[in-house]
Amino acid sequence: MFRVSQVTGVQSAGPPGFQPTKIFDRLGDPEINLLLPAGAFNLLRALDSERITGPRRAECLSQVFSLDLAVDDPDRRRILLKSLPDAKARELEVRTGVTIDTLKNSDSLAIQVRRSLLGFFGAVASEDRFPVPAEAVRTTMPKRGLFPHQKRAATEVERILFREDRRAMLHLPTGVGKTRTAMSIVTSHLRTQLPGLVLWLATTRELLEQAAEEFEAAWSSVGDRPLDCVRFWSQHDPPIETVTDGIAICGLAKLHSFAKNRPRLWDLGDRTSLVVFDEAHQAVAETYEDIVETVVTRNPRTPLLGLSGTPGRTWGDRDVDVNVAELFRGNKVTLDFGGKNPVRELTDTGYLAEVDFSLLNVEPGLQLSSSDIAQVSNALNIPESVAVRLGADEKRNLRIVQRLCELTDRHSRILVFAASVANALLLASVCRGMGFKADVLTGQTNSGDRQRMIRQFKRLDRAKRLLINFGVLTTGFDAPAASAALIARPTKSLVLYSQMVGRVIRGPKASGTDRCEIVTVVDTNLPGFGDVAEAFMNWEDVWNTS
């Protein structure tokens, strides 16, 4: 049956008296040119003449044909009716009760005659169509909406920041979306400040770029005016001193370095209406603390928001953790599930993936000296020299590659945290030799290659891909399709460990996976960890919980 073009405004009325596609078999090109919308026939001929001369000519022309236009315009109506065989012309006269000559020569048609004429060609007049009633209740989904637990946390943060103590730590488990939650607070704040300037501080390129992308996506959805998103890290060097309205996303190392030679940089504090410190458990480091306090003390009323999935810096050094709490005046906003473990609740409700933890116990061929053991015992983390030697251990690497081969049977995206740069390069080359697609990403990887590798890893295809990295993807990296991680980087830092685990634990409600698998390489003569929930709850005793 003839498919009426959207521009006709008519619908099918059942079997027609005359199939409209047959019109074009009975008319010459000059008449078709006049019947169709002005210029349509010649344009089709210029674009692809075969479409209007080949075997599908009638089908093509019927897509352009407007029955409403042909019926309502007398000249076109005469051409339309001319195409009818004599028997069909008689049938039309019976249907309409009007002679063909009258139909051809009338400037306008009575409503009932027009309705019958459209019906003859299989269409329904627009006035005969029943309007689709509007739904009494129609839900409009926000493009950048928050999950209920994120919304509750954001509301509480806003209460503290803008009405009470003006300092707060937003503590959400890694993988739960603290950047999106914080950016909701930022965009809400900027809509109330004219002008308003948010200073966003972070340490790594991944965190900084993630923040910039999240802001641009959020503001394009909910913003009320054009705003600048200023990138101030790595090779980016905009005139940050002149920014007055928008968000300045700054790398702490660059900010500290430039402030020595550009004292006007600290004038930002006079214009800043909100400071956000990402991964804020680092905020009490001497250099970073100076930056925060310098900016905030320029205007004591400036709110300070810290973000972290791990609101402490150490495991066992209570004094340092207390300093973090004091910087944010003891105000930690976390998830409230009636006293239940938030990680367990978020897993049960699908926001976090169900995690299958396993340990790969390795006794390296490497023998640690008494000096090495003393270093490991006394240092806050595994000394680099020890990690490098572990990464070169053949026995250890053999066990790791064997486990990676097993993981590829169950997973298509596997993230690997290597012990050193050399170890990352070695593992990647061996995995490629085993027939896997494996990229290696370190701090030495240039920006273009880095973006290409991450883009390929995030691509939703059937290929099995491994992304092997050292010191790069512990924060600010989300790859929802990744369902496995192998942690071969030895660490005593529960913060670092939980950050590595957090890269693959997004649940199905957060566009992740139902289950994920995390393999932790435990060198039998070094400490290891195995439970992200333990990491999340470790510092609870140094924060206000009321």
Protein backbone atom coordinates (compact mmCIF):
# COMPACT_ATOMS: atom_id res chain seq x y z
CA MET A 1 0.00 0.00 0.00
CA PHE A 2 1.08 3.57 -0.67
CA ARG A 3 2.99 5.00 2.30
CA VAL A 4 1.89 8.59 2.78
CA SER A 5 4.77 11.00 3.32
CA GLN A 6 4.96 12.72 6.68
CA VAL A 7 4.30 16.06 4.99
CA THR A 8 0.92 14.89 3.73
CA GLY A 9 -0.73 14.92 7.13
CA VAL A 10 -2.94 11.95 6.16
CA GLN A 11 -3.20 8.36 7.27
CA SER A 12 -4.20 5.13 5.59
CA ALA A 13 -7.96 4.49 5.29
CA GLY A 14 -7.72 0.85 4.33
CA PRO A 15 -7.83 -0.63 0.79
CA PRO A 16 -7.99 2.26 -1.71
CA GLY A 17 -10.07 2.45 -4.85
CA PHE A 18 -6.87 3.14 -6.75
CA GLN A 19 -3.29 2.44 -5.68
CA PRO A 20 -1.43 5.76 -5.74
CA THR A 21 1.79 4.12 -7.01
CA LYS A 22 -0.03 3.38 -10.27
CA ILE A 23 -0.40 7.11 -10.86
CA PHE A 24 3.21 7.34 -11.98
CA ASP A 25 2.87 4.51 -14.50
CA ARG A 26 0.22 6.50 -16.38
CA LEU A 27 1.82 9.96 -16.43
CA GLY A 28 4.75 11.42 -18.35
CA ASP A 29 7.68 13.26 -16.80
CA PRO A 30 6.28 16.80 -17.47
CA GLU A 31 3.01 15.94 -15.72
CA ILE A 32 4.81 14.24 -12.81
CA ASN A 33 6.97 17.33 -12.44
CA LEU A 34 3.82 19.43 -12.01
CA LEU A 35 2.15 16.91 -9.70
CA LEU A 36 5.00 16.69 -7.20
CA PRO A 37 6.09 19.52 -4.87
CA ALA A 38 7.75 22.27 -6.90
CA GLY A 39 11.30 21.40 -7.94
CA ALA A 40 11.29 17.90 -6.39
CA PHE A 41 11.35 15.99 -9.69
CA ASN A 42 14.24 17.94 -11.20
CA LEU A 43 16.25 17.73 -7.99
CA LEU A 44 15.83 13.96 -7.86
CA ARG A 45 16.91 13.69 -11.47
CA ALA A 46 20.04 15.75 -10.79
CA LEU A 47 20.97 13.72 -7.70
CA ASP A 48 20.34 10.23 -9.10
CA SER A 49 18.48 9.99 -12.39
CA GLU A 50 18.35 6.20 -12.18
CA ARG A 51 16.00 6.44 -9.19
CA ILE A 52 13.28 8.02 -11.37
CA THR A 53 13.94 6.00 -14.53
CA GLY A 54 14.66 2.53 -13.14
CA PRO A 55 12.34 -0.30 -12.07
CA ARG A 56 11.70 1.28 -8.64
CA ARG A 57 10.64 4.59 -10.20
CA ALA A 58 7.05 4.50 -8.94
CA GLU A 59 8.12 3.57 -5.40
CA CYS A 60 10.63 6.43 -5.32
CA LEU A 61 8.16 9.01 -6.61
CA SER A 62 5.45 7.86 -4.23
CA GLN A 63 7.75 8.75 -1.31
CA VAL A 64 7.87 12.35 -2.59
CA PHE A 65 4.20 12.60 -3.53
CA SER A 66 1.86 14.58 -1.22
CA LEU A 67 -1.75 13.48 -1.55
CA ASP A 68 -3.02 16.45 0.45
CA LEU A 69 -1.23 18.82 -1.91
CA ALA A 70 -2.57 17.04 -5.01
CA VAL A 71 -6.17 17.03 -3.79
CA ASP A 72 -6.26 20.65 -2.59
CA ASP A 73 -4.52 22.27 -5.57
CA PRO A 74 -6.85 22.37 -8.64
CA ASP A 75 -4.05 22.06 -11.24
CA ARG A 76 -2.50 19.09 -9.46
CA ARG A 77 -5.92 17.54 -8.84
CA ARG A 78 -6.63 17.58 -12.59
CA ILE A 79 -3.36 15.71 -13.27
CA LEU A 80 -4.14 13.25 -10.47
CA LEU A 81 -7.59 12.48 -11.83
CA LYS A 82 -6.25 12.25 -15.39
CA SER A 83 -4.24 9.21 -14.30
CA LEU A 84 -7.40 7.23 -13.51
CA PRO A 85 -8.57 4.53 -15.95
CA ASP A 86 -12.16 4.97 -17.07
CA ALA A 87 -13.48 2.24 -14.78
CA LYS A 88 -11.82 3.82 -11.75
CA ALA A 89 -13.13 7.25 -12.73
CA ARG A 90 -16.68 5.87 -12.70
CA GLU A 91 -16.04 4.24 -9.31
CA LEU A 92 -14.85 7.57 -7.93
CA GLU A 93 -17.99 9.31 -9.16
CA VAL A 94 -20.10 6.77 -7.27
CA ARG A 95 -18.07 7.28 -4.07
CA THR A 96 -18.18 11.05 -4.13
CA GLY A 97 -21.53 11.60 -5.80
CA VAL A 98 -19.81 14.16 -8.06
CA THR A 99 -18.82 13.88 -11.72
CA ILE A 100 -15.18 13.66 -12.73
CA ASP A 101 -15.47 16.92 -14.66
CA THR A 102 -16.76 18.68 -11.53
CA LEU A 103 -13.91 17.23 -9.47
CA LYS A 104 -11.41 18.41 -12.06
CA ASN A 105 -12.76 21.92 -12.44
CA SER A 106 -13.72 22.93 -8.88
CA ASP A 107 -11.48 25.47 -7.19
CA SER A 108 -12.27 23.89 -3.83
CA LEU A 109 -14.06 20.78 -2.63
CA ALA A 110 -16.78 20.31 -0.06
CA ILE A 111 -15.55 18.66 3.12
CA GLN A 112 -17.41 15.38 2.49
CA VAL A 113 -16.27 15.25 -1.15
CA ARG A 114 -12.66 15.86 -0.13
CA ARG A 115 -12.95 13.15 2.53
CA SER A 116 -14.29 10.66 -0.06
CA LEU A 117 -11.58 11.57 -2.58
CA LEU A 118 -8.80 11.01 -0.02
CA GLY A 119 -10.43 7.73 1.00
CA PHE A 120 -10.49 6.61 -2.64
CA PHE A 121 -6.68 6.86 -2.64
CA GLY A 122 -6.38 5.12 0.73
CA ALA A 123 -5.98 8.06 3.10
CA VAL A 124 -7.92 9.59 5.99
CA ALA A 125 -8.64 13.30 6.17
CA SER A 126 -6.87 15.01 9.05
CA GLU A 127 -10.15 16.16 10.58
CA ASP A 128 -11.30 12.53 10.83
CA ARG A 129 -8.31 11.39 12.84
CA PHE A 130 -8.75 10.97 16.55
CA PRO A 131 -6.10 12.92 18.44
CA VAL A 132 -3.89 10.87 20.72
CA PRO A 133 -4.82 11.98 24.23
CA ALA A 134 -1.96 13.33 26.32
CA GLU A 135 -0.97 11.17 29.27
CA ALA A 136 -2.21 12.48 32.59
CA VAL A 137 1.25 11.87 34.08
CA ARG A 138 4.39 11.78 31.98
CA THR A 139 7.82 11.35 33.59
CA THR A 140 10.67 13.44 32.20
CA MET A 141 14.07 11.86 32.83
CA PRO A 142 17.01 14.19 33.57
CA LYS A 143 20.02 13.81 31.31
CA ARG A 144 22.47 14.18 34.19
CA GLY A 145 20.36 12.97 37.07
CA LEU A 146 21.65 11.57 40.35
CA PHE A 147 20.84 8.25 41.93
CA PRO A 148 18.79 8.58 45.15
CA HIS A 149 21.78 7.93 47.41
CA GLN A 150 23.85 10.50 45.50
CA LYS A 151 21.06 13.07 45.76
CA ARG A 152 20.76 12.59 49.52
CA ALA A 153 24.50 13.07 49.94
CA ALA A 154 24.54 16.18 47.72
CA THR A 155 21.69 17.76 49.69
CA GLU A 156 23.51 17.23 52.98
CA VAL A 157 26.77 18.62 51.58
CA GLU A 158 24.99 21.77 50.37
CA ARG A 159 23.45 22.26 53.82
CA ILE A 160 26.89 22.20 55.49
CA LEU A 161 28.77 24.16 52.84
CA PHE A 162 26.37 27.02 52.32
CA ARG A 163 24.50 27.28 55.60
CA GLU A 164 26.70 25.93 58.38
CA ASP A 165 30.44 25.14 58.79
CA ARG A 166 31.37 25.80 55.13
CA ARG A 167 33.71 22.80 55.04
CA ALA A 168 32.79 19.21 54.35
CA MET A 169 34.18 15.97 53.00
CA LEU A 170 31.98 14.03 50.57
CA HIS A 171 32.85 10.38 51.11
CA LEU A 172 31.45 7.97 48.56
CA PRO A 173 33.00 4.58 47.84
CA THR A 174 35.13 4.50 44.73
CA GLY A 175 32.92 3.59 41.76
CA VAL A 176 29.76 5.19 43.18
CA GLY A 177 30.08 8.48 41.27
CA LYS A 178 31.49 11.09 43.62
CA THR A 179 32.62 13.29 40.70
CA ARG A 180 29.11 13.41 39.23
CA THR A 181 27.61 14.04 42.67
CA ALA A 182 30.07 16.86 43.35
CA MET A 183 29.50 18.39 39.93
CA SER A 184 25.78 18.52 40.67
CA ILE A 185 26.67 20.62 43.72
CA VAL A 186 28.98 22.79 41.62
CA THR A 187 26.43 23.48 38.87
CA SER A 188 23.70 24.22 41.41
CA HIS A 189 26.05 26.67 43.13
CA LEU A 190 27.01 28.41 39.88
CA ARG A 191 23.37 28.96 38.97
CA THR A 192 22.98 31.01 42.17
CA GLN A 193 26.24 32.98 41.80
CA LEU A 194 26.49 35.78 39.22
CA PRO A 195 29.38 35.74 38.68
CA GLY A 196 30.66 32.63 40.40
CA LEU A 197 34.06 30.95 40.22
CA VAL A 198 34.69 27.38 41.33
CA LEU A 199 38.28 26.27 41.89
CA TRP A 200 38.63 22.51 41.41
CA LEU A 201 41.94 21.00 42.58
CA ALA A 202 43.32 17.54 41.79
CA THR A 203 46.66 15.80 41.37
CA THR A 204 46.45 13.54 38.32
CA ARG A 205 45.71 14.17 34.68
CA GLU A 206 42.95 11.55 34.70
CA LEU A 207 41.15 13.19 37.63
CA LEU A 208 41.48 16.63 36.05
CA GLU A 209 40.21 15.59 32.63
CA GLN A 210 37.38 13.60 34.19
CA ALA A 211 36.29 16.69 36.11
CA ALA A 212 36.41 18.89 32.99
CA GLU A 213 34.38 16.42 30.94
CA GLU A 214 31.84 15.97 33.72
CA PHE A 215 31.39 19.72 34.17
CA GLU A 216 30.91 20.37 30.45
CA ALA A 217 28.35 17.57 30.20
CA ALA A 218 26.49 18.71 33.32
CA TRP A 219 26.46 22.42 32.54
CA SER A 220 25.31 21.87 28.95
CA SER A 221 22.28 20.11 30.44
CA VAL A 222 21.40 22.33 33.42
CA GLY A 223 23.33 25.58 32.92
CA ASP A 224 21.66 28.97 32.65
CA ARG A 225 24.39 30.97 30.88
CA PRO A 226 27.62 30.48 28.89
CA LEU A 227 30.51 29.62 31.23
CA ASP A 228 34.22 28.98 30.82
CA CYS A 229 35.75 25.66 31.83
CA VAL A 230 39.43 26.52 32.29
CA ARG A 231 41.99 23.70 32.12
CA PHE A 232 45.15 24.50 34.07
CA TRP A 233 47.42 21.47 34.10
CA SER A 234 50.09 19.75 32.04
CA GLN A 235 50.57 21.70 28.78
CA HIS A 236 47.49 23.88 29.37
CA ASP A 237 48.46 27.42 30.40
CA PRO A 238 45.46 29.77 30.01
CA PRO A 239 45.42 33.24 31.63
CA ILE A 240 43.85 31.84 34.78
CA GLU A 241 44.36 35.11 36.69
CA THR A 242 41.62 36.77 34.63
CA VAL A 243 38.88 34.14 35.08
CA THR A 244 35.84 35.57 36.87
CA ASP A 245 32.90 33.30 36.02
CA GLY A 246 32.97 29.54 35.55
CA ILE A 247 35.20 26.75 36.78
CA ALA A 248 38.99 26.59 36.91
CA ILE A 249 40.23 22.99 37.05
CA CYS A 250 43.81 23.07 38.27
CA GLY A 251 46.59 20.57 38.71
CA LEU A 252 48.08 21.08 42.16
CA ALA A 253 51.67 20.58 41.04
CA LYS A 254 51.32 23.18 38.30
CA LEU A 255 49.46 25.59 40.56
CA HIS A 256 52.20 25.34 43.18
CA SER A 257 54.98 25.77 40.62
CA PHE A 258 53.41 28.74 38.84
CA ALA A 259 52.47 30.51 42.04
CA LYS A 260 56.15 31.12 42.78
CA ASN A 261 56.52 33.29 39.66
CA ARG A 262 52.94 34.49 39.24
CA PRO A 263 51.85 35.89 42.62
CA ARG A 264 48.63 37.21 41.07
CA LEU A 265 47.55 33.60 40.88
CA TRP A 266 46.50 33.79 44.51
CA ASP A 267 44.07 36.58 43.65
CA LEU A 268 41.87 33.69 42.60
CA GLY A 269 40.97 33.47 46.27
CA ASP A 270 39.28 36.87 46.13
CA ARG A 271 36.98 35.73 43.31
CA THR A 272 36.49 32.08 44.23
CA SER A 273 33.06 31.19 45.57
CA LEU A 274 33.72 27.45 46.10
CA VAL A 275 36.86 25.29 46.36
CA VAL A 276 36.73 21.57 45.58
CA PHE A 277 39.66 19.29 46.43
CA ASP A 278 39.47 15.92 44.70
CA GLU A 279 41.06 12.92 46.46
CA ALA A 280 41.13 15.20 49.49
CA HIS A 281 42.79 12.71 51.81
CA GLN A 282 45.94 14.26 50.26
CA ALA A 283 44.98 17.76 51.37
CA VAL A 284 47.11 17.66 54.52
CA ALA A 285 50.32 17.10 52.57
CA GLU A 286 52.42 20.16 53.38
CA THR A 287 52.55 21.62 49.86
CA TYR A 288 48.89 21.05 49.08
CA GLU A 289 47.67 22.24 52.45
CA ASP A 290 49.43 25.56 51.85
CA ILE A 291 47.60 25.99 48.54
CA VAL A 292 44.20 25.24 50.03
CA GLU A 293 44.67 27.47 53.04
CA THR A 294 46.10 30.32 50.93
CA VAL A 295 43.10 30.33 48.63
CA VAL A 296 40.47 29.80 51.30
CA THR A 297 41.88 32.27 53.85
CA ARG A 298 41.72 35.07 51.28
CA ASN A 299 38.00 34.80 51.87
CA PRO A 300 37.11 32.90 55.07
CA ARG A 301 33.53 32.52 53.84
CA THR A 302 34.65 30.47 50.83
CA PRO A 303 33.23 26.93 51.17
CA LEU A 304 35.71 24.03 50.92
CA LEU A 305 34.50 20.66 49.64
CA GLY A 306 36.69 17.59 49.79
CA LEU A 307 36.04 14.45 47.76
CA SER A 308 37.27 10.99 48.58
CA GLY A 309 36.43 7.33 48.51
CA THR A 310 39.05 6.85 51.21
CA PRO A 311 38.88 9.71 53.78
CA GLY A 312 42.27 9.17 55.36
CA ARG A 313 45.87 8.92 54.19
CA THR A 314 47.26 5.94 56.07
CA TRP A 315 46.47 2.77 57.86
CA GLY A 316 47.57 3.05 61.46
CA ASP A 317 48.73 6.70 61.64
CA ARG A 318 45.76 8.14 63.47
CA ASP A 319 47.34 11.58 63.87
CA VAL A 320 47.55 12.10 60.11
CA ASP A 321 43.98 10.94 59.62
CA VAL A 322 42.81 13.28 62.38
CA ASN A 323 44.49 16.15 60.52
CA VAL A 324 42.41 15.35 57.44
CA ALA A 325 39.26 15.35 59.54
CA GLU A 326 40.18 18.63 61.22
CA LEU A 327 40.84 20.34 57.87
CA PHE A 328 37.21 19.67 56.99
CA ARG A 329 36.02 20.43 60.55
CA GLY A 330 34.95 16.87 61.14
CA ASN A 331 32.10 17.12 58.65
CA LYS A 332 32.00 13.94 56.62
CA VAL A 333 28.95 13.30 54.45
CA THR A 334 28.60 9.68 53.55
CA LEU A 335 25.87 7.25 52.63
CA ASP A 336 23.29 6.45 55.26
CA PHE A 337 21.70 3.03 55.03
CA GLY A 338 20.48 2.79 58.59
CA GLY A 339 23.78 1.65 60.01
CA LYS A 340 24.31 -1.02 57.34
CA ASN A 341 27.58 -1.31 55.44
CA PRO A 342 27.18 1.05 52.46
CA VAL A 343 29.33 -1.04 50.13
CA ARG A 344 27.19 -4.11 50.83
CA GLU A 345 23.97 -2.15 50.36
CA LEU A 346 25.12 -0.60 47.09
CA THR A 347 26.15 -4.02 45.85
CA ASP A 348 22.83 -5.58 46.78
CA THR A 349 20.94 -2.81 44.96
CA GLY A 350 23.06 -3.03 41.79
CA TYR A 351 25.05 0.20 42.01
CA LEU A 352 28.26 -1.71 42.69
CA ALA A 353 29.23 -5.01 41.12
CA GLU A 354 29.38 -8.21 43.10
CA VAL A 355 33.11 -8.76 43.54
CA ASP A 356 34.90 -12.08 43.36
CA PHE A 357 38.17 -11.55 45.22
CA SER A 358 41.02 -14.00 44.96
CA LEU A 359 44.65 -13.99 45.98
CA LEU A 360 47.53 -15.11 43.82
CA ASN A 361 50.10 -16.09 46.40
CA VAL A 362 53.58 -15.87 44.96
CA GLU A 363 56.89 -16.75 46.51
CA PRO A 364 59.30 -14.89 44.23
CA GLY A 365 62.72 -16.19 43.40
CA LEU A 366 63.87 -12.82 44.68
CA GLN A 367 65.37 -13.03 48.15
CA LEU A 368 65.04 -9.91 50.28
CA SER A 369 68.00 -8.89 52.38
CA SER A 370 67.64 -7.87 56.01
CA SER A 371 68.07 -4.28 54.82
CA ASP A 372 65.21 -4.72 52.32
CA ILE A 373 62.96 -6.16 55.01
CA ALA A 374 63.77 -3.27 57.33
CA GLN A 375 62.94 -0.80 54.56
CA VAL A 376 59.62 -2.49 53.86
CA SER A 377 58.77 -2.55 57.56
CA ASN A 378 59.60 1.11 58.20
CA ALA A 379 58.33 2.76 55.01
CA LEU A 380 54.77 3.97 54.49
CA ASN A 381 54.71 2.05 51.23
CA ILE A 382 56.78 -0.55 49.40
CA PRO A 383 60.12 1.09 48.42
CA GLU A 384 60.47 1.59 44.67
CA SER A 385 63.71 -0.35 44.56
CA VAL A 386 61.98 -3.43 46.00
CA ALA A 387 58.97 -3.07 43.66
CA VAL A 388 61.24 -2.82 40.61
CA ARG A 389 63.10 -5.99 41.59
CA LEU A 390 59.82 -7.82 42.20
CA GLY A 391 58.62 -6.70 38.77
CA ALA A 392 61.66 -8.28 37.17
CA ASP A 393 61.24 -11.62 38.94
CA GLU A 394 60.70 -14.35 36.36
CA LYS A 395 58.86 -16.73 38.65
CA ARG A 396 56.45 -14.00 39.71
CA ASN A 397 55.78 -12.86 36.14
CA LEU A 398 55.17 -16.42 34.99
CA ARG A 399 52.41 -16.85 37.57
CA ILE A 400 50.89 -13.47 36.63
CA VAL A 401 50.73 -14.23 32.89
CA GLN A 402 49.25 -17.66 33.59
CA ARG A 403 46.49 -16.06 35.66
CA LEU A 404 45.86 -13.44 32.95
CA CYS A 405 45.39 -16.23 30.43
CA GLU A 406 42.77 -17.75 32.74
CA LEU A 407 41.02 -14.39 33.14
CA THR A 408 40.67 -13.95 29.37
CA ASP A 409 38.48 -17.07 29.32
CA ARG A 410 35.92 -15.18 31.44
CA HIS A 411 36.47 -11.49 30.69
CA SER A 412 36.89 -9.30 27.61
CA ARG A 413 38.32 -6.21 29.39
CA ILE A 414 41.04 -6.71 31.99
CA LEU A 415 42.90 -3.93 33.79
CA VAL A 416 46.36 -4.78 35.10
CA PHE A 417 48.32 -2.78 37.69
CA ALA A 418 52.01 -3.58 37.24
CA ALA A 419 54.81 -3.31 39.79
CA SER A 420 56.91 -0.85 37.77
CA VAL A 421 57.22 0.73 34.33
CA ALA A 422 59.57 -2.04 33.22
CA ASN A 423 57.17 -4.66 34.56
CA ALA A 424 54.25 -3.10 32.65
CA LEU A 425 56.24 -3.17 29.40
CA LEU A 426 57.30 -6.76 30.01
CA LEU A 427 53.82 -8.05 30.82
CA ALA A 428 52.28 -6.28 27.82
CA SER A 429 54.85 -7.67 25.38
CA VAL A 430 54.45 -11.22 26.70
CA CYS A 431 50.64 -10.98 26.55
CA ARG A 432 50.84 -9.81 22.95
CA GLY A 433 53.12 -12.74 22.23
CA MET A 434 50.41 -14.98 23.67
CA GLY A 435 47.97 -13.59 21.11
CA PHE A 436 46.12 -11.03 23.24
CA LYS A 437 45.49 -7.37 22.46
CA ALA A 438 47.51 -5.67 25.19
CA ASP A 439 48.48 -2.02 25.57
CA VAL A 440 50.87 -0.60 28.12
CA LEU A 441 50.22 2.76 29.73
CA THR A 442 52.63 4.58 32.05
CA GLY A 443 53.47 8.13 33.01
CA GLN A 444 55.90 8.12 30.09
CA THR A 445 53.16 7.47 27.50
CA ASN A 446 52.46 10.55 25.38
CA SER A 447 49.03 12.14 25.48
CA GLY A 448 47.93 11.01 22.02
CA ASP A 449 48.81 7.36 22.61
CA ARG A 450 47.26 7.49 26.05
CA GLN A 451 43.91 8.70 24.68
CA ARG A 452 43.98 6.13 21.87
CA MET A 453 44.65 3.24 24.26
CA ILE A 454 41.94 4.28 26.69
CA ARG A 455 39.46 4.82 23.85
CA GLN A 456 40.16 1.34 22.45
CA PHE A 457 39.87 -0.24 25.89
CA LYS A 458 36.50 1.43 26.48
CA ARG A 459 35.20 0.43 23.04
CA LEU A 460 32.26 -1.95 23.21
CA ASP A 461 33.39 -4.70 20.86
CA ARG A 462 33.96 -8.43 21.21
CA ALA A 463 37.76 -8.25 21.21
CA LYS A 464 39.57 -9.29 24.38
CA ARG A 465 41.75 -6.41 25.54
CA LEU A 466 44.20 -5.94 28.38
CA LEU A 467 45.33 -2.50 29.55
CA ILE A 468 48.52 -2.85 31.59
CA ASN A 469 49.55 0.26 33.46
CA PHE A 470 51.79 1.59 36.15
CA GLY A 471 51.04 4.69 38.21
CA VAL A 472 48.40 6.11 35.86
CA LEU A 473 44.92 4.62 36.17
CA THR A 474 44.49 4.40 39.94
CA THR A 475 42.11 7.41 39.95
CA GLY A 476 39.93 9.31 37.52
CA PHE A 477 39.52 6.41 35.11
CA ASP A 478 36.22 4.69 34.41
CA ALA A 479 35.77 1.82 31.98
CA PRO A 480 32.35 0.30 32.68
CA ALA A 481 33.02 -2.65 30.37
CA ALA A 482 36.06 -3.71 32.42
CA SER A 483 35.06 -6.65 34.57
CA ALA A 484 38.41 -7.83 35.90
CA ALA A 485 41.52 -6.37 37.49
CA LEU A 486 44.79 -7.99 38.37
CA ILE A 487 46.73 -6.05 40.98
CA ALA A 488 50.40 -6.92 40.68
CA ARG A 489 51.57 -3.69 42.24
CA PRO A 490 52.71 -4.36 45.81
CA THR A 491 51.48 -1.77 48.27
CA LYS A 492 51.06 -1.11 51.96
CA SER A 493 48.63 1.71 51.20
CA LEU A 494 45.02 0.79 51.76
CA VAL A 495 44.12 4.04 49.97
CA LEU A 496 46.03 3.03 46.83
CA TYR A 497 44.72 -0.51 46.97
CA SER A 498 41.09 0.57 47.25
CA GLN A 499 41.59 3.01 44.37
CA MET A 500 42.90 0.23 42.13
CA VAL A 501 40.01 -2.05 43.10
CA GLY A 502 37.57 0.78 42.46
CA ARG A 503 38.33 0.96 38.74
CA VAL A 504 36.23 -2.12 37.96
CA ILE A 505 33.45 -2.29 40.55
CA ARG A 506 30.68 -0.31 38.84
CA GLY A 507 27.39 -2.18 39.01
CA PRO A 508 24.70 -2.58 36.34
CA LYS A 509 22.70 0.43 37.56
CA ALA A 510 25.82 2.54 36.98
CA SER A 511 26.40 1.13 33.46
CA GLY A 512 28.85 -1.46 34.77
CA THR A 513 28.75 -5.22 35.19
CA ASP A 514 26.83 -7.56 37.50
CA ARG A 515 30.02 -9.20 38.71
CA CYS A 516 33.68 -8.42 38.54
CA GLU A 517 36.80 -10.34 39.43
CA ILE A 518 39.77 -8.93 41.28
CA VAL A 519 42.99 -10.89 41.61
CA THR A 520 45.54 -9.54 44.07
CA VAL A 521 49.12 -10.72 43.78
CA VAL A 522 50.34 -11.32 47.32
CA ASP A 523 54.07 -11.68 47.65
CA THR A 524 54.37 -13.94 50.63
CA ASN A 525 57.07 -11.80 52.23
CA LEU A 526 55.15 -8.54 51.73
CA PRO A 527 51.79 -7.31 53.12
CA GLY A 528 48.66 -7.55 50.96
CA PHE A 529 45.02 -6.58 51.18
CA GLY A 530 41.85 -8.07 49.81
CA ASP A 531 38.61 -6.31 50.74
CA VAL A 532 37.44 -2.93 49.50
CA ALA A 533 34.77 -2.73 52.21
CA GLU A 534 37.51 -2.83 54.84
CA ALA A 535 39.23 0.05 53.03
CA PHE A 536 36.03 2.07 52.95
CA MET A 537 35.27 1.72 56.65
CA ASN A 538 38.82 2.02 58.03
CA TRP A 539 38.84 5.69 59.04
CA GLU A 540 35.30 5.92 60.41
CA ASP A 541 36.48 6.46 63.98
CA VAL A 542 38.15 9.83 63.30
CA TRP A 543 35.10 11.50 61.74
CA ASN A 544 31.91 12.85 63.23
CA THR A 545 29.23 10.23 62.64
CA SER A 546 26.22 11.95 64.19
